[in-house]
């Protein structure tokens, strides 16, 4: 998961390649149902090596993955249910380049801690290229926490 998050943090924009990586990392059941196949045959074509099969699965994922990296609405589907709220902020550096930040808050109660003493846990994505990428990064961090 860390490798995918690092890839998203350095991306300049969303892409179908990134969407496929996010979809596979998200563990959503639809990825397995739509992209994986048993055995060595898919669509009448024999894939004799594990590398060929992985390449075919990745190709299918780039075609079929939801647009996580380019749509805030789709990126929201990655946010775990125990997240109570979140924010997305935009800022520009001195050269005019835009950066996006996403913060998700997870309650102490959902983490099994005493709510009287604990503040919510903040999960942040800083300096992402787009709002959707910032939200994907924060959501994947939350899923892996």
Protein backbone atom coordinates (compact mmCIF):
# COMPACT_ATOMS: atom_id res chain seq x y z
CA UNK A 1 0.00 0.00 0.00
CA UNK A 2 2.87 2.40 0.82
CA UNK A 3 4.25 2.08 -2.70
CA UNK A 4 0.91 2.99 -4.26
CA UNK A 5 0.47 5.93 -1.89
CA UNK A 6 3.99 7.15 -2.78
CA UNK A 7 3.12 6.86 -6.48
CA UNK A 8 -0.05 8.91 -5.97
CA UNK A 9 1.84 11.55 -3.97
CA UNK A 10 4.23 12.16 -6.88
CA UNK A 11 1.61 12.04 -9.66
CA UNK A 12 0.97 15.25 -11.60
CA UNK A 13 -2.57 14.24 -12.55
CA UNK A 14 -4.98 11.34 -12.42
CA UNK A 15 -4.80 8.53 -14.99
CA UNK A 16 -6.27 5.16 -15.88
CA UNK A 17 -2.98 3.55 -14.76
CA UNK A 18 -3.39 5.08 -11.31
CA UNK A 19 -7.06 4.08 -11.22
CA UNK A 20 -6.06 0.44 -11.81
CA UNK A 21 -3.48 0.56 -9.00
CA UNK A 22 -5.96 2.17 -6.59
CA UNK A 23 -8.69 -0.31 -7.50
CA UNK A 24 -6.43 -3.30 -6.88
CA UNK A 25 -5.19 -1.84 -3.57
CA UNK A 26 -8.68 -0.97 -2.35
CA UNK A 27 -9.64 -4.61 -2.01
CA UNK A 28 -13.05 -3.97 -3.54
CA UNK A 29 -14.78 -7.19 -4.50
CA UNK A 30 -15.65 -5.88 -7.96
CA UNK A 31 -11.93 -5.82 -8.91
CA UNK A 32 -11.58 -9.56 -8.33
CA UNK A 33 -14.87 -10.32 -10.06
CA UNK A 34 -14.15 -8.28 -13.17
CA UNK A 35 -10.40 -8.60 -13.67
CA UNK A 36 -9.16 -11.89 -12.28
CA UNK A 37 -9.61 -15.26 -13.93
CA UNK A 38 -8.84 -18.82 -12.94
CA UNK A 39 -6.53 -21.00 -14.91
CA UNK A 40 -4.48 -19.80 -17.85
CA UNK A 41 -7.21 -19.03 -20.39
CA UNK A 42 -9.09 -15.77 -20.79
CA UNK A 43 -11.29 -15.04 -23.78
CA UNK A 44 -9.99 -18.13 -25.55
CA UNK A 45 -6.38 -16.93 -25.27
CA UNK A 46 -3.85 -19.04 -23.38
CA UNK A 47 -1.63 -17.09 -20.97
CA UNK A 48 1.21 -19.48 -20.31
CA UNK A 49 3.24 -17.55 -17.74
CA UNK A 50 2.35 -15.78 -14.52
CA UNK A 51 3.75 -12.56 -16.00
CA UNK A 52 1.40 -12.81 -19.00
CA UNK A 53 -1.55 -13.40 -16.69
CA UNK A 54 -0.59 -10.42 -14.46
CA UNK A 55 -0.24 -8.24 -17.55
CA UNK A 56 -3.72 -9.26 -18.77
CA UNK A 57 -5.27 -8.61 -15.35
CA UNK A 58 -3.58 -5.19 -15.19
CA UNK A 59 -4.77 -4.37 -18.73
CA UNK A 60 -8.35 -5.29 -17.80
CA UNK A 61 -8.08 -3.15 -14.66
CA UNK A 62 -6.97 -0.08 -16.63
CA UNK A 63 -10.04 -0.48 -18.84
CA UNK A 64 -12.59 -1.27 -16.12
CA UNK A 65 -11.44 0.64 -13.01
CA UNK A 66 -13.65 3.43 -11.71
CA UNK A 67 -12.06 6.88 -12.20
CA UNK A 68 -10.78 7.21 -8.61
CA UNK A 69 -7.91 9.57 -9.47
CA UNK A 70 -9.99 12.05 -11.47
CA UNK A 71 -13.37 12.13 -9.70
CA UNK A 72 -13.96 13.29 -6.13
CA UNK A 73 -17.29 11.44 -6.08
CA UNK A 74 -15.63 8.15 -7.01
CA UNK A 75 -12.68 8.78 -4.66
CA UNK A 76 -15.23 9.18 -1.83
CA UNK A 77 -16.13 5.49 -2.24
CA UNK A 78 -12.65 4.65 -0.91
CA UNK A 79 -13.21 6.44 2.40
CA UNK A 80 -13.77 3.87 5.18
CA UNK A 81 -17.09 4.07 7.04
CA UNK A 82 -15.48 4.84 10.41
CA UNK A 83 -14.30 8.21 9.06
CA UNK A 84 -16.55 10.90 10.52
CA UNK A 85 -15.61 13.94 8.47
CA UNK A 86 -12.99 15.37 6.21
CA UNK A 87 -11.81 18.45 4.40
CA UNK A 88 -10.12 19.22 1.11
CA UNK A 89 -8.12 22.45 0.81
CA UNK A 90 -6.39 24.13 -2.10
CA UNK A 91 -3.34 26.36 -2.00
CA UNK A 92 -0.77 27.75 -4.40
CA UNK A 93 2.94 28.18 -3.96
CA UNK A 94 4.79 31.34 -4.98
CA UNK A 95 5.20 30.12 -8.55
CA UNK A 96 1.43 29.60 -8.85
CA UNK A 97 1.45 25.81 -8.73
CA UNK A 98 -1.70 24.40 -7.07
CA UNK A 99 -1.51 21.91 -4.24
CA UNK A 100 -4.38 20.04 -2.65
CA UNK A 101 -4.61 18.76 0.90
CA UNK A 102 -7.12 16.27 2.29
CA UNK A 103 -7.72 15.50 5.95
CA UNK A 104 -9.96 12.71 7.22
CA UNK A 105 -10.92 12.38 10.88
CA UNK A 106 -11.45 9.03 12.54
CA UNK A 107 -13.09 9.07 15.96
CA UNK A 108 -11.32 7.66 19.00
CA UNK A 109 -14.35 5.43 19.60
CA UNK A 110 -14.04 3.73 16.21
CA UNK A 111 -10.41 2.95 17.08
CA UNK A 112 -11.44 1.36 20.38
CA UNK A 113 -10.01 4.14 22.53
CA UNK A 114 -11.60 6.05 25.40
CA UNK A 115 -13.39 9.03 23.83
CA UNK A 116 -13.15 11.14 26.98
CA UNK A 117 -9.39 11.42 26.71
CA UNK A 118 -8.64 11.19 23.01
CA UNK A 119 -8.96 13.57 20.12
CA UNK A 120 -9.93 12.20 16.72
CA UNK A 121 -7.08 10.78 14.64
CA UNK A 122 -6.31 12.90 11.59
CA UNK A 123 -5.19 11.19 8.41
CA UNK A 124 -3.65 13.64 5.98
CA UNK A 125 -2.61 13.82 2.38
CA UNK A 126 -0.47 16.87 1.74
CA UNK A 127 0.59 18.49 -1.53
CA UNK A 128 -1.31 16.29 -3.97
CA UNK A 129 -1.74 17.51 -7.53
CA UNK A 130 -5.56 17.33 -7.58
CA UNK A 131 -8.42 17.12 -5.06
CA UNK A 132 -9.29 13.57 -6.18
CA UNK A 133 -5.69 12.41 -5.74
CA UNK A 134 -5.51 14.01 -2.28
CA UNK A 135 -8.70 12.21 -1.26
CA UNK A 136 -7.44 8.88 -2.68
CA UNK A 137 -4.18 9.21 -0.74
CA UNK A 138 -5.93 10.03 2.54
CA UNK A 139 -8.51 7.24 2.04
CA UNK A 140 -5.85 4.62 1.28
CA UNK A 141 -3.86 5.77 4.32
CA UNK A 142 -7.02 5.39 6.42
CA UNK A 143 -7.63 1.90 5.03
CA UNK A 144 -4.09 0.81 5.85
CA UNK A 145 -4.08 2.31 9.36
